[in-house]
Amino acid sequence: MKVFLKAAYQPYKWLFFIPILVLLTLFCGLICILFAFIFGPDTADSLAVLWSRLVCFFIPVRVRIKGRNNYDTDKAYVVVVNHRSMIDIPVIHGWLGLKIKWVIKKELKKIPVFGSACESIGCIYVDRFDRFSAIKSIQDAKKKMSKRASVLFFPEGTRTRDGSTAKFKKGAFYFAKETGLSVLPITIKNTMKILPSDSLDLFPGTAEIIVHPPVDISNKDEEEFPYLIEEIRQTIINAL
């Protein structure tokens, strides 16, 4: 039955959804750049939320979120999330309710309109292969962020290809200690079934976001980081 449904979905995907996605990205991206210039990046973030929700509506993707009582949408956090699919981005941005600034690979900056729009709302482009350049990019961005801005990291560094959760890099946790922000661990589920990594095999489904209690690491010594990072990683994995 699922094979039949996937086959039936293909004309919709190519003839309707893909053109709609391009038009949505162009329209929302250009307006986002304009709003950011006039009103600032946090105001423009509302357009990114709109884009995210419309993308999920047209696929369609249902989103369930658990643990809303574990965080305050008026506060800022360093958000760490496992990364399973490109669909993670609209799912998280559309439903989490935070003013999110993404830490993303610099290659995405080259995507017309999308790259500039992400930069306009305060996303942080980093070179994954140059640690010192990545640190400088994050430090420079930190100076420009509002008090309500949360910074989101995919601490694995890239999407999973086999469903496993790779070891976490330390950047998000050093950033949390420097800024005094709590780490907000999040598990995202089922997005790999909607759009697998390195694939255009898109199919409707239900994504799930599980928000865990925030972790204050401001009083932790750096020697404790390996154990702390692994503990947070296991919290995320255990909810998968």
C-alpha atoms as a PDB file:
ATOM      1  CA  MET A   1       0.000   0.000   0.000  1.00  0.00           C
ATOM      2  CA  LYS A   2       2.774   2.454   0.907  1.00  0.00           C
ATOM      3  CA  VAL A   3       4.520   1.796  -2.425  1.00  0.00           C
ATOM      4  CA  PHE A   4       1.286   2.695  -4.219  1.00  0.00           C
ATOM      5  CA  LEU A   5       0.826   5.856  -2.121  1.00  0.00           C
ATOM      6  CA  LYS A   6       4.420   6.960  -2.783  1.00  0.00           C
ATOM      7  CA  ALA A   7       3.907   6.484  -6.516  1.00  0.00           C
ATOM      8  CA  ALA A   8       0.651   8.448  -6.382  1.00  0.00           C
ATOM      9  CA  TYR A   9       2.387  11.282  -4.471  1.00  0.00           C
ATOM     10  CA  GLN A  10       5.096  11.871  -7.103  1.00  0.00           C
ATOM     11  CA  PRO A  11       3.035  14.018  -9.531  1.00  0.00           C
ATOM     12  CA  TYR A  12       1.930  16.211  -6.625  1.00  0.00           C
ATOM     13  CA  LYS A  13       5.523  16.561  -5.394  1.00  0.00           C
ATOM     14  CA  TRP A  14       7.026  17.539  -8.756  1.00  0.00           C
ATOM     15  CA  LEU A  15       4.158  19.482 -10.325  1.00  0.00           C
ATOM     16  CA  PHE A  16       2.804  21.276  -7.247  1.00  0.00           C
ATOM     17  CA  PHE A  17       4.947  21.143  -4.116  1.00  0.00           C
ATOM     18  CA  ILE A  18       8.372  21.858  -5.659  1.00  0.00           C
ATOM     19  CA  PRO A  19       7.106  24.945  -7.596  1.00  0.00           C
ATOM     20  CA  ILE A  20       5.258  26.130  -4.473  1.00  0.00           C
ATOM     21  CA  LEU A  21       8.436  25.671  -2.398  1.00  0.00           C
ATOM     22  CA  VAL A  22      10.460  27.785  -4.842  1.00  0.00           C
ATOM     23  CA  LEU A  23       7.840  30.558  -4.915  1.00  0.00           C
ATOM     24  CA  LEU A  24       7.431  30.524  -1.127  1.00  0.00           C
ATOM     25  CA  THR A  25      11.182  30.747  -0.625  1.00  0.00           C
ATOM     26  CA  LEU A  26      11.508  33.632  -3.072  1.00  0.00           C
ATOM     27  CA  PHE A  27       8.545  35.569  -1.688  1.00  0.00           C
ATOM     28  CA  CYS A  28       9.135  35.027   2.037  1.00  0.00           C
ATOM     29  CA  GLY A  29      12.899  35.370   1.610  1.00  0.00           C
ATOM     30  CA  LEU A  30      12.716  38.745  -0.130  1.00  0.00           C
ATOM     31  CA  ILE A  31      10.157  40.108   2.349  1.00  0.00           C
ATOM     32  CA  CYS A  32      12.274  38.746   5.196  1.00  0.00           C
ATOM     33  CA  ILE A  33      15.348  40.620   3.954  1.00  0.00           C
ATOM     34  CA  LEU A  34      13.295  43.832   3.717  1.00  0.00           C
ATOM     35  CA  PHE A  35      11.757  43.411   7.182  1.00  0.00           C
ATOM     36  CA  ALA A  36      15.153  42.678   8.734  1.00  0.00           C
ATOM     37  CA  PHE A  37      16.570  45.846   7.195  1.00  0.00           C
ATOM     38  CA  ILE A  38      13.684  48.013   8.462  1.00  0.00           C
ATOM     39  CA  PHE A  39      12.610  46.397  11.735  1.00  0.00           C
ATOM     40  CA  GLY A  40      15.505  44.146  12.758  1.00  0.00           C
ATOM     41  CA  PRO A  41      16.203  40.396  12.630  1.00  0.00           C
ATOM     42  CA  ASP A  42      13.836  39.316  15.425  1.00  0.00           C
ATOM     43  CA  THR A  43      10.842  40.867  13.631  1.00  0.00           C
ATOM     44  CA  ALA A  44      11.834  39.223  10.361  1.00  0.00           C
ATOM     45  CA  ASP A  45      11.950  35.886  12.176  1.00  0.00           C
ATOM     46  CA  SER A  46       8.137  35.774  12.085  1.00  0.00           C
ATOM     47  CA  LEU A  47       8.333  35.438   8.303  1.00  0.00           C
ATOM     48  CA  ALA A  48      10.706  32.501   8.667  1.00  0.00           C
ATOM     49  CA  VAL A  49       8.115  30.901  10.947  1.00  0.00           C
ATOM     50  CA  LEU A  50       5.429  31.518   8.316  1.00  0.00           C
ATOM     51  CA  TRP A  51       7.622  29.972   5.591  1.00  0.00           C
ATOM     52  CA  SER A  52       8.279  26.944   7.810  1.00  0.00           C
ATOM     53  CA  ARG A  53       4.614  26.362   8.562  1.00  0.00           C
ATOM     54  CA  LEU A  54       3.574  26.737   4.932  1.00  0.00           C
ATOM     55  CA  VAL A  55       6.254  24.276   3.793  1.00  0.00           C
ATOM     56  CA  CYS A  56       4.961  21.719   6.287  1.00  0.00           C
ATOM     57  CA  PHE A  57       1.352  22.447   5.296  1.00  0.00           C
ATOM     58  CA  PHE A  58       1.964  21.816   1.607  1.00  0.00           C
ATOM     59  CA  ILE A  59       3.984  18.585   2.019  1.00  0.00           C
ATOM     60  CA  PRO A  60       1.954  17.919   4.302  1.00  0.00           C
ATOM     61  CA  VAL A  61       3.731  17.317   7.626  1.00  0.00           C
ATOM     62  CA  ARG A  62       1.947  17.148  10.965  1.00  0.00           C
ATOM     63  CA  VAL A  63       4.017  18.279  13.942  1.00  0.00           C
ATOM     64  CA  ARG A  64       3.598  17.086  17.499  1.00  0.00           C
ATOM     65  CA  ILE A  65       5.545  18.737  20.284  1.00  0.00           C
ATOM     66  CA  LYS A  66       6.065  17.381  23.797  1.00  0.00           C
ATOM     67  CA  GLY A  67       7.676  19.152  26.746  1.00  0.00           C
ATOM     68  CA  ARG A  68       6.340  22.672  26.187  1.00  0.00           C
ATOM     69  CA  ASN A  69       6.437  23.160  29.961  1.00  0.00           C
ATOM     70  CA  ASN A  70      10.220  22.639  29.895  1.00  0.00           C
ATOM     71  CA  TYR A  71      11.030  26.019  28.334  1.00  0.00           C
ATOM     72  CA  ASP A  72       9.901  29.643  28.203  1.00  0.00           C
ATOM     73  CA  THR A  73       9.407  31.184  24.741  1.00  0.00           C
ATOM     74  CA  ASP A  74      10.379  34.598  26.144  1.00  0.00           C
ATOM     75  CA  LYS A  75      13.827  33.360  27.167  1.00  0.00           C
ATOM     76  CA  ALA A  76      16.960  32.597  25.172  1.00  0.00           C
ATOM     77  CA  TYR A  77      18.727  29.236  25.082  1.00  0.00           C
ATOM     78  CA  VAL A  78      21.468  27.359  23.333  1.00  0.00           C
ATOM     79  CA  VAL A  79      19.349  24.738  21.597  1.00  0.00           C
ATOM     80  CA  VAL A  80      20.973  21.413  20.673  1.00  0.00           C
ATOM     81  CA  VAL A  81      19.081  19.013  18.389  1.00  0.00           C
ATOM     82  CA  ASN A  82      19.854  15.713  16.707  1.00  0.00           C
ATOM     83  CA  HIS A  83      19.854  16.116  12.904  1.00  0.00           C
ATOM     84  CA  ARG A  84      18.028  13.572  10.744  1.00  0.00           C
ATOM     85  CA  SER A  85      16.685  15.420   7.700  1.00  0.00           C
ATOM     86  CA  MET A  86      16.458  18.788   5.937  1.00  0.00           C
ATOM     87  CA  ILE A  87      12.832  18.791   7.102  1.00  0.00           C
ATOM     88  CA  ASP A  88      14.183  19.341  10.644  1.00  0.00           C
ATOM     89  CA  ILE A  89      14.603  23.038   9.801  1.00  0.00           C
ATOM     90  CA  PRO A  90      10.981  24.006   9.013  1.00  0.00           C
ATOM     91  CA  VAL A  91       9.634  21.645  11.681  1.00  0.00           C
ATOM     92  CA  ILE A  92      11.700  23.192  14.480  1.00  0.00           C
ATOM     93  CA  HIS A  93      11.495  26.794  13.303  1.00  0.00           C
ATOM     94  CA  GLY A  94       7.788  26.609  12.675  1.00  0.00           C
ATOM     95  CA  TRP A  95       6.684  25.105  15.992  1.00  0.00           C
ATOM     96  CA  LEU A  96       9.231  25.705  18.742  1.00  0.00           C
ATOM     97  CA  GLY A  97       8.201  29.317  19.353  1.00  0.00           C
ATOM     98  CA  LEU A  98      11.692  30.676  20.063  1.00  0.00           C
ATOM     99  CA  LYS A  99      13.555  33.442  18.217  1.00  0.00           C
ATOM    100  CA  ILE A 100      15.971  31.013  16.595  1.00  0.00           C
ATOM    101  CA  LYS A 101      19.332  31.866  15.056  1.00  0.00           C
ATOM    102  CA  TRP A 102      20.733  28.817  13.320  1.00  0.00           C
ATOM    103  CA  VAL A 103      24.379  27.818  13.213  1.00  0.00           C
ATOM    104  CA  ILE A 104      24.612  26.424   9.690  1.00  0.00           C
ATOM    105  CA  LYS A 105      27.261  25.464   7.171  1.00  0.00           C
ATOM    106  CA  LYS A 106      28.518  28.282   4.980  1.00  0.00           C
ATOM    107  CA  GLU A 107      27.653  26.362   1.798  1.00  0.00           C
ATOM    108  CA  LEU A 108      23.951  27.159   2.338  1.00  0.00           C
ATOM    109  CA  LYS A 109      24.728  30.863   2.018  1.00  0.00           C
ATOM    110  CA  LYS A 110      25.122  30.331  -1.742  1.00  0.00           C
ATOM    111  CA  ILE A 111      21.450  29.382  -2.218  1.00  0.00           C
ATOM    112  CA  PRO A 112      19.797  32.392  -3.914  1.00  0.00           C
ATOM    113  CA  VAL A 113      17.448  34.402  -1.664  1.00  0.00           C
ATOM    114  CA  PHE A 114      17.363  31.623   0.981  1.00  0.00           C
ATOM    115  CA  GLY A 115      20.990  32.268   1.943  1.00  0.00           C
ATOM    116  CA  SER A 116      20.531  36.023   2.210  1.00  0.00           C
ATOM    117  CA  ALA A 117      17.245  35.642   4.087  1.00  0.00           C
ATOM    118  CA  CYS A 118      18.888  33.359   6.674  1.00  0.00           C
ATOM    119  CA  GLU A 119      21.664  35.882   7.135  1.00  0.00           C
ATOM    120  CA  SER A 120      19.129  38.713   7.530  1.00  0.00           C
ATOM    121  CA  ILE A 121      17.390  37.015  10.481  1.00  0.00           C
ATOM    122  CA  GLY A 122      20.733  36.482  12.208  1.00  0.00           C
ATOM    123  CA  CYS A 123      21.697  32.940  11.249  1.00  0.00           C
ATOM    124  CA  ILE A 124      25.378  32.193  11.775  1.00  0.00           C
ATOM    125  CA  TYR A 125      27.322  30.738   8.860  1.00  0.00           C
ATOM    126  CA  VAL A 126      30.366  28.693   9.816  1.00  0.00           C
ATOM    127  CA  ASP A 127      33.117  26.848   8.017  1.00  0.00           C
ATOM    128  CA  ARG A 128      32.847  23.288   9.323  1.00  0.00           C
ATOM    129  CA  PHE A 129      36.404  22.543   8.212  1.00  0.00           C
ATOM    130  CA  ASP A 130      38.051  25.569   9.851  1.00  0.00           C
ATOM    131  CA  ARG A 131      37.555  25.461  13.617  1.00  0.00           C
ATOM    132  CA  PHE A 132      39.066  28.887  14.335  1.00  0.00           C
ATOM    133  CA  SER A 133      37.032  30.572  11.601  1.00  0.00           C
ATOM    134  CA  ALA A 134      33.861  28.911  12.932  1.00  0.00           C
ATOM    135  CA  ILE A 135      34.586  30.123  16.470  1.00  0.00           C
ATOM    136  CA  LYS A 136      35.166  33.672  15.227  1.00  0.00           C
ATOM    137  CA  SER A 137      31.889  33.632  13.265  1.00  0.00           C
ATOM    138  CA  ILE A 138      29.974  32.608  16.373  1.00  0.00           C
ATOM    139  CA  GLN A 139      31.739  35.163  18.567  1.00  0.00           C
ATOM    140  CA  ASP A 140      31.019  37.973  16.079  1.00  0.00           C
ATOM    141  CA  ALA A 141      27.358  36.954  15.863  1.00  0.00           C
ATOM    142  CA  LYS A 142      27.035  36.872  19.649  1.00  0.00           C
ATOM    143  CA  LYS A 143      27.717  40.614  19.811  1.00  0.00           C
ATOM    144  CA  LYS A 144      24.780  41.390  17.501  1.00  0.00           C
ATOM    145  CA  MET A 145      22.114  39.138  19.029  1.00  0.00           C
ATOM    146  CA  SER A 146      19.163  40.409  21.030  1.00  0.00           C
ATOM    147  CA  LYS A 147      18.482  39.127  24.552  1.00  0.00           C
ATOM    148  CA  ARG A 148      15.606  36.969  23.253  1.00  0.00           C
ATOM    149  CA  ALA A 149      17.648  35.269  20.538  1.00  0.00           C
ATOM    150  CA  SER A 150      18.245  31.545  20.959  1.00  0.00           C
ATOM    151  CA  VAL A 151      21.087  29.937  19.037  1.00  0.00           C
ATOM    152  CA  LEU A 152      20.455  26.490  17.590  1.00  0.00           C
ATOM    153  CA  PHE A 153      23.218  23.979  16.942  1.00  0.00           C
ATOM    154  CA  PHE A 154      23.139  20.585  15.287  1.00  0.00           C
ATOM    155  CA  PRO A 155      26.009  19.317  17.470  1.00  0.00           C
ATOM    156  CA  GLU A 156      26.623  16.243  15.303  1.00  0.00           C
ATOM    157  CA  GLY A 157      27.812  18.633  12.601  1.00  0.00           C
ATOM    158  CA  THR A 158      25.809  17.026   9.788  1.00  0.00           C
ATOM    159  CA  ARG A 159      22.719  14.905   9.111  1.00  0.00           C
ATOM    160  CA  THR A 160      22.714  11.234  10.005  1.00  0.00           C
ATOM    161  CA  ARG A 161      22.840   8.841   7.051  1.00  0.00           C
ATOM    162  CA  ASP A 162      22.003   5.639   8.884  1.00  0.00           C
ATOM    163  CA  GLY A 163      19.761   6.774  11.729  1.00  0.00           C
ATOM    164  CA  SER A 164      22.495   6.715  14.377  1.00  0.00           C
ATOM    165  CA  THR A 165      23.363   9.787  16.460  1.00  0.00           C
ATOM    166  CA  ALA A 166      27.005  10.805  16.063  1.00  0.00           C
ATOM    167  CA  LYS A 167      29.191  12.195  18.835  1.00  0.00           C
ATOM    168  CA  PHE A 168      28.500  15.826  19.676  1.00  0.00           C
ATOM    169  CA  LYS A 169      31.007  18.553  18.929  1.00  0.00           C
ATOM    170  CA  LYS A 170      31.851  20.950  21.744  1.00  0.00           C
ATOM    171  CA  GLY A 171      31.062  24.308  20.091  1.00  0.00           C
ATOM    172  CA  ALA A 172      27.479  24.647  21.362  1.00  0.00           C
ATOM    173  CA  PHE A 173      28.527  23.951  24.929  1.00  0.00           C
ATOM    174  CA  TYR A 174      31.433  26.400  24.937  1.00  0.00           C
ATOM    175  CA  PHE A 175      29.060  28.986  23.499  1.00  0.00           C
ATOM    176  CA  ALA A 176      26.554  28.287  26.284  1.00  0.00           C
ATOM    177  CA  LYS A 177      29.213  28.721  28.958  1.00  0.00           C
ATOM    178  CA  GLU A 178      30.474  31.970  27.422  1.00  0.00           C
ATOM    179  CA  THR A 179      27.006  33.502  27.143  1.00  0.00           C
ATOM    180  CA  GLY A 180      25.578  32.101  30.367  1.00  0.00           C
ATOM    181  CA  LEU A 181      22.628  30.619  28.468  1.00  0.00           C
ATOM    182  CA  SER A 182      21.172  27.261  29.447  1.00  0.00           C
ATOM    183  CA  VAL A 183      21.432  24.349  27.030  1.00  0.00           C
ATOM    184  CA  LEU A 184      18.009  23.196  25.780  1.00  0.00           C
ATOM    185  CA  PRO A 185      18.253  19.593  24.510  1.00  0.00           C
ATOM    186  CA  ILE A 186      15.701  18.574  21.879  1.00  0.00           C
ATOM    187  CA  THR A 187      14.977  15.248  20.226  1.00  0.00           C
ATOM    188  CA  ILE A 188      13.426  15.272  16.777  1.00  0.00           C
ATOM    189  CA  LYS A 189      11.800  12.088  15.472  1.00  0.00           C
ATOM    190  CA  ASN A 190      10.396  10.702  12.215  1.00  0.00           C
ATOM    191  CA  THR A 191      11.706  13.412   9.865  1.00  0.00           C
ATOM    192  CA  MET A 192      14.021  10.883   8.240  1.00  0.00           C
ATOM    193  CA  LYS A 193      10.895   9.005   7.121  1.00  0.00           C
ATOM    194  CA  ILE A 194       9.550  12.202   5.533  1.00  0.00           C
ATOM    195  CA  LEU A 195      12.762  13.134   3.709  1.00  0.00           C
ATOM    196  CA  PRO A 196      15.817  10.855   4.032  1.00  0.00           C
ATOM    197  CA  SER A 197      19.292  12.404   3.916  1.00  0.00           C
ATOM    198  CA  ASP A 198      20.778  12.928   0.431  1.00  0.00           C
ATOM    199  CA  SER A 199      17.429  12.174  -1.147  1.00  0.00           C
ATOM    200  CA  LEU A 200      14.412  13.762  -2.845  1.00  0.00           C
ATOM    201  CA  ASP A 201      12.219  10.888  -1.675  1.00  0.00           C
ATOM    202  CA  LEU A 202       9.766  13.236   0.027  1.00  0.00           C
ATOM    203  CA  PHE A 203       6.581  11.819   1.529  1.00  0.00           C
ATOM    204  CA  PRO A 204       3.969  13.158   3.994  1.00  0.00           C
ATOM    205  CA  GLY A 205       4.229  12.162   7.632  1.00  0.00           C
ATOM    206  CA  THR A 206       4.170  13.207  11.278  1.00  0.00           C
ATOM    207  CA  ALA A 207       7.237  14.739  12.918  1.00  0.00           C
ATOM    208  CA  GLU A 208       7.704  14.800  16.662  1.00  0.00           C
ATOM    209  CA  ILE A 209       9.641  17.315  18.754  1.00  0.00           C
ATOM    210  CA  ILE A 210      10.513  16.371  22.340  1.00  0.00           C
ATOM    211  CA  VAL A 211      11.851  19.233  24.455  1.00  0.00           C
ATOM    212  CA  HIS A 212      13.879  18.176  27.498  1.00  0.00           C
ATOM    213  CA  PRO A 213      14.504  20.296  30.618  1.00  0.00           C
ATOM    214  CA  PRO A 214      17.211  22.951  30.137  1.00  0.00           C
ATOM    215  CA  VAL A 215      20.681  22.364  31.564  1.00  0.00           C
ATOM    216  CA  ASP A 216      22.640  25.196  33.187  1.00  0.00           C
ATOM    217  CA  ILE A 217      26.351  24.695  32.512  1.00  0.00           C
ATOM    218  CA  SER A 218      27.575  28.162  33.506  1.00  0.00           C
ATOM    219  CA  ASN A 219      29.174  26.805  36.702  1.00  0.00           C
ATOM    220  CA  LYS A 220      30.758  23.768  35.064  1.00  0.00           C
ATOM    221  CA  ASP A 221      34.499  23.449  34.512  1.00  0.00           C
ATOM    222  CA  GLU A 222      35.710  22.602  31.026  1.00  0.00           C
ATOM    223  CA  GLU A 223      37.168  19.353  32.388  1.00  0.00           C
ATOM    224  CA  GLU A 224      33.593  18.231  33.026  1.00  0.00           C
ATOM    225  CA  PHE A 225      32.441  18.939  29.465  1.00  0.00           C
ATOM    226  CA  PRO A 226      33.067  15.481  27.927  1.00  0.00           C
ATOM    227  CA  TYR A 227      30.848  13.833  30.552  1.00  0.00           C
ATOM    228  CA  LEU A 228      28.248  16.596  30.421  1.00  0.00           C
ATOM    229  CA  ILE A 229      28.053  16.523  26.623  1.00  0.00           C
ATOM    230  CA  GLU A 230      27.657  12.756  26.560  1.00  0.00           C
ATOM    231  CA  GLU A 231      24.941  12.947  29.227  1.00  0.00           C
ATOM    232  CA  ILE A 232      22.977  15.457  27.127  1.00  0.00           C
ATOM    233  CA  ARG A 233      23.535  13.326  24.022  1.00  0.00           C
ATOM    234  CA  GLN A 234      22.143  10.279  25.824  1.00  0.00           C
ATOM    235  CA  THR A 235      19.099  12.314  26.931  1.00  0.00           C
ATOM    236  CA  ILE A 236      18.378  13.102  23.284  1.00  0.00           C
ATOM    237  CA  ILE A 237      19.036   9.512  22.124  1.00  0.00           C
ATOM    238  CA  ASN A 238      16.875   7.930  24.826  1.00  0.00           C
ATOM    239  CA  ALA A 239      13.793   9.737  23.479  1.00  0.00           C
ATOM    240  CA  LEU A 240      14.243   8.430  19.921  1.00  0.00           C
END
